[in-house]
Structure formats: C-alpha cells, structure tokens
Amino acid sequence: MKRCSVNSYDLGLASGLARQLRQPGLPGQVPAPREPVRPLPPVTPASPAPPSPGPAVDLHAPPLELESWEVFLAWSLELCRARAGFVVDPQGFVVATRGNVPTDHFDGLGAELAYAMEQLDRIDAEAGSLLSIELQFASRRLMAMRASKESVGSFVVGYVGSRPLGDDIRTAITRQVTHSLDRLI
C-alpha cells in the first residue's frame, strides 16, 4: 500500500488501511504522554453581567427635529432597545418599518392594532382615549402607542422587543411623534 490516496469503493484496500491504523506505533502517530495528565484548575464563575445601562437619550430633553419616519424609528428603536419598529397611518397602512422586520412588513398587524385600539377606546369612554397597549408572548413583547393630532388623525407606533417600555420612554416617544408629525407625513 504505497499510494496515499485510494478510491472509496475498494473495500479490501479500505479494510487493510483501517487495520494498519489500529496498530500501535505506526510512523506519524503521536507518542503516548510520559507524564500523567494534570486536571485543569477549577473554573471560577464569572461575575454576573452588569445591568444594561439606561437609555443614552435624555428623556426630558426637548423633542428633536426629525424629518422622516425612518429617522424617527432609528431614534426610538435605540431608545427602547426593541428589535423592530413600525408606523401605522390613520387608514391602517404601515408607512415605515425598521429593524428585524418580518416578510409581511407588519401589514396586517398594523391595521389590526389600529382597529383594536379604536375598539378598546369604547370600553371605558370616561377614561379617555387609549394611549398604548402591550402584549406579552413567551419570548417577546409587542408594544403599540398612539399619537394623535386633530389635523392629521391618529398614528400607531409599534415595537417588537423583549423588554417592557417604561412610562418615561413611552412618554418621550409619544411627545416626539406629536412634535414631528407635521414633518413626518
């Protein structure tokens, strides 16, 4: 067996090669270690990760002058640390998306959320209009906020993420949408 390569369909040659490989002391084999192998020292557990820092944006700062829904979504996704965001216009159409967006681009979901928020307003009319909803699934959350201006109607801004939105973050996002709405539409 002088050749280094053989065809895989030659079973006799393959079995002879296997027998030779099982024999100790063949040239090219690594010699057995002479000293006993020492066990590795015990691993100390790493310290727990520090809590994630709060948003880098001042939540009480004056609203920014944002010129497009894409810029608004980029700003707000960073603020709320969500993985995807979308904006639904007063007719229920998704007008902007950003992040890890599903193939349907939230089209049906946007209309359903806008409709659900309108219907939920009717449950307790004395409480005022519904500002936000949050649905918690096993591994993620769907959050939606509504911002309105009489001249243009209600826009729904939705996010998919793993953490709930705090009241301060919701207020900052709603304030920014309301401030920028005339430029964004």
Protein backbone atom coordinates (compact mmCIF):
# COMPACT_ATOMS: atom_id res chain seq x y z
CA MET A 1 0.00 0.00 0.00
CA LYS A 2 2.35 2.65 -1.27
CA ARG A 3 -0.28 5.06 -2.59
CA CYS A 4 -1.51 7.84 -0.27
CA SER A 5 -4.98 8.03 -1.74
CA VAL A 6 -7.36 5.26 -2.70
CA ASN A 7 -10.84 5.10 -4.15
CA SER A 8 -13.56 4.74 -1.57
CA TYR A 9 -15.17 1.85 -3.43
CA ASP A 10 -12.18 -0.53 -2.92
CA LEU A 11 -13.36 -2.26 0.28
CA GLY A 12 -10.35 -4.54 0.56
CA LEU A 13 -7.96 -1.64 0.46
CA ALA A 14 -10.09 0.33 2.94
CA SER A 15 -10.20 -2.54 5.46
CA GLY A 16 -6.42 -3.05 5.20
CA LEU A 17 -5.88 0.66 5.84
CA ALA A 18 -8.18 0.53 8.86
CA ARG A 19 -6.23 -2.45 10.32
CA GLN A 20 -2.94 -0.62 9.91
CA LEU A 21 -4.32 2.49 11.61
CA ARG A 22 -5.38 0.45 14.64
CA GLN A 23 -1.88 -0.95 15.15
CA PRO A 24 0.18 0.92 17.75
CA GLY A 25 3.47 2.51 16.87
CA LEU A 26 2.87 3.46 13.26
CA PRO A 27 5.03 6.22 11.85
CA GLY A 28 3.35 9.60 12.15
CA GLN A 29 1.39 8.68 15.28
CA VAL A 30 1.71 10.88 18.35
CA PRO A 31 3.54 9.04 21.15
CA ALA A 32 1.67 8.40 24.36
CA PRO A 33 2.30 11.06 27.03
CA ARG A 34 5.00 10.10 29.54
CA GLU A 35 3.66 12.17 32.41
CA PRO A 36 0.15 11.80 33.74
CA VAL A 37 -2.20 14.48 32.56
CA ARG A 38 -2.92 17.01 35.27
CA PRO A 39 -6.51 18.12 35.74
CA LEU A 40 -7.32 21.71 34.90
CA PRO A 41 -7.78 24.09 37.81
CA PRO A 42 -11.39 24.66 38.79
CA VAL A 43 -13.12 27.39 36.87
CA THR A 44 -14.46 30.24 38.94
CA PRO A 45 -17.80 31.51 37.72
CA ALA A 46 -17.70 34.87 36.02
CA SER A 47 -19.27 37.76 37.82
CA PRO A 48 -22.78 38.48 36.63
CA ALA A 49 -23.05 40.96 33.78
CA PRO A 50 -23.72 44.48 34.94
CA PRO A 51 -27.24 45.67 34.31
CA SER A 52 -27.69 47.24 30.92
CA PRO A 53 -27.29 50.98 31.04
CA GLY A 54 -30.35 53.13 30.73
CA PRO A 55 -31.13 54.92 27.52
CA ALA A 56 -28.42 57.27 26.32
CA VAL A 57 -31.08 59.82 25.40
CA ASP A 58 -32.31 62.41 27.87
CA LEU A 59 -36.00 61.52 28.13
CA HIS A 60 -36.95 65.01 29.26
CA ALA A 61 -34.99 66.92 26.61
CA PRO A 62 -36.91 68.99 24.07
CA PRO A 63 -38.09 66.99 21.04
CA LEU A 64 -35.75 66.62 18.08
CA GLU A 65 -36.48 67.97 14.59
CA LEU A 66 -36.85 64.62 12.79
CA GLU A 67 -37.57 64.71 9.06
CA SER A 68 -38.63 61.13 8.22
CA TRP A 69 -40.27 58.10 9.77
CA GLU A 70 -37.08 56.10 9.20
CA VAL A 71 -35.05 58.58 11.25
CA PHE A 72 -37.74 58.59 13.94
CA LEU A 73 -37.76 54.76 14.09
CA ALA A 74 -33.96 54.62 14.29
CA TRP A 75 -34.02 57.08 17.19
CA SER A 76 -36.86 55.34 19.02
CA LEU A 77 -35.54 51.78 18.49
CA GLU A 78 -32.30 52.81 20.17
CA LEU A 79 -34.24 54.46 22.96
CA CYS A 80 -36.49 51.50 23.74
CA ARG A 81 -33.99 48.79 22.73
CA ALA A 82 -36.52 46.96 20.59
CA ARG A 83 -35.56 44.80 17.63
CA ALA A 84 -38.16 46.08 15.18
CA GLY A 85 -40.49 49.03 14.83
CA PHE A 86 -43.27 50.18 12.53
CA VAL A 87 -45.62 53.12 12.00
CA VAL A 88 -49.30 52.82 11.01
CA ASP A 89 -51.13 55.78 9.46
CA PRO A 90 -54.76 56.76 10.26
CA GLN A 91 -56.07 54.47 7.49
CA GLY A 92 -54.30 51.43 8.95
CA PHE A 93 -51.46 51.22 6.43
CA VAL A 94 -47.89 50.58 7.54
CA VAL A 95 -45.93 53.60 6.29
CA ALA A 96 -42.49 52.79 7.75
CA THR A 97 -40.60 49.85 9.24
CA ARG A 98 -37.13 49.41 10.65
CA GLY A 99 -35.13 46.64 12.30
CA ASN A 100 -35.70 42.90 12.17
CA VAL A 101 -38.90 43.14 10.15
CA PRO A 102 -40.95 40.03 9.16
CA THR A 103 -41.59 39.30 5.48
CA ASP A 104 -45.10 40.78 5.55
CA HIS A 105 -43.68 44.08 6.93
CA PHE A 106 -46.34 44.17 9.69
CA ASP A 107 -49.04 44.97 7.10
CA GLY A 108 -51.94 43.02 8.62
CA LEU A 109 -50.77 43.58 12.16
CA GLY A 110 -50.67 47.35 11.74
CA ALA A 111 -54.30 47.53 10.62
CA GLU A 112 -55.41 45.14 13.37
CA LEU A 113 -53.64 47.16 16.06
CA ALA A 114 -55.17 50.42 14.87
CA TYR A 115 -58.63 48.80 14.82
CA ALA A 116 -58.13 47.17 18.23
CA MET A 117 -57.10 50.49 19.77
CA GLU A 118 -60.23 52.15 18.35
CA GLN A 119 -62.42 49.37 19.76
CA LEU A 120 -60.73 49.45 23.16
CA ASP A 121 -61.48 53.18 23.37
CA ARG A 122 -65.18 52.29 23.56
CA ILE A 123 -64.83 50.07 26.63
CA ASP A 124 -64.44 52.96 29.05
CA ALA A 125 -65.16 56.25 27.33
CA GLU A 126 -64.86 58.15 30.62
CA ALA A 127 -61.20 57.09 30.98
CA GLY A 128 -60.20 58.94 27.82
CA SER A 129 -58.57 57.55 24.72
CA LEU A 130 -56.31 54.52 24.83
CA LEU A 131 -52.67 55.60 24.64
CA SER A 132 -50.82 52.29 24.46
CA ILE A 133 -51.13 48.53 24.62
CA GLU A 134 -48.60 45.81 25.33
CA LEU A 135 -48.93 42.13 24.50
CA GLN A 136 -46.53 39.73 26.19
CA PHE A 137 -45.69 36.46 24.44
CA ALA A 138 -43.43 33.68 25.70
CA SER A 139 -40.26 35.16 24.21
CA ARG A 140 -41.13 38.70 23.13
CA ARG A 141 -43.45 41.64 23.52
CA LEU A 142 -45.49 43.70 21.10
CA MET A 143 -45.96 47.29 22.20
CA ALA A 144 -48.03 49.93 20.43
CA MET A 145 -48.57 53.61 21.21
CA ARG A 146 -50.96 56.03 19.63
CA ALA A 147 -50.18 59.65 18.90
CA SER A 148 -52.90 61.95 17.59
CA LYS A 149 -53.20 65.38 16.11
CA GLU A 150 -56.60 66.69 15.15
CA SER A 151 -55.41 67.92 11.77
CA VAL A 152 -53.99 64.54 10.66
CA GLY A 153 -55.56 61.83 12.84
CA SER A 154 -54.05 59.01 14.90
CA PHE A 155 -50.80 57.25 14.11
CA VAL A 156 -49.83 54.00 15.82
CA VAL A 157 -46.17 53.32 16.52
CA GLY A 158 -45.39 49.69 17.29
CA TYR A 159 -42.35 47.85 18.57
CA VAL A 160 -41.30 44.23 18.91
CA GLY A 161 -38.83 43.62 21.70
CA SER A 162 -38.06 41.59 24.76
CA ARG A 163 -38.50 44.22 27.48
CA PRO A 164 -41.47 46.30 28.52
CA LEU A 165 -41.41 50.01 27.84
CA GLY A 166 -41.38 52.22 30.88
CA ASP A 167 -43.74 55.16 31.21
CA ASP A 168 -40.90 57.66 30.69
CA ILE A 169 -39.86 56.03 27.41
CA ARG A 170 -43.46 55.83 26.20
CA THR A 171 -44.00 59.49 27.06
CA ALA A 172 -40.78 60.56 25.29
CA ILE A 173 -41.69 58.63 22.13
CA THR A 174 -45.25 59.97 22.07
CA ARG A 175 -44.02 63.53 22.66
CA GLN A 176 -41.53 63.16 19.79
CA VAL A 177 -44.17 61.81 17.38
CA THR A 178 -46.65 64.53 18.25
CA HIS A 179 -43.97 67.22 17.86
CA SER A 180 -42.71 65.87 14.50
CA LEU A 181 -45.98 64.67 12.97
CA ASP A 182 -46.45 67.61 10.59
CA ARG A 183 -42.98 67.00 9.09
CA LEU A 184 -43.26 63.20 9.06
CA ILE A 185 -46.44 62.88 6.99
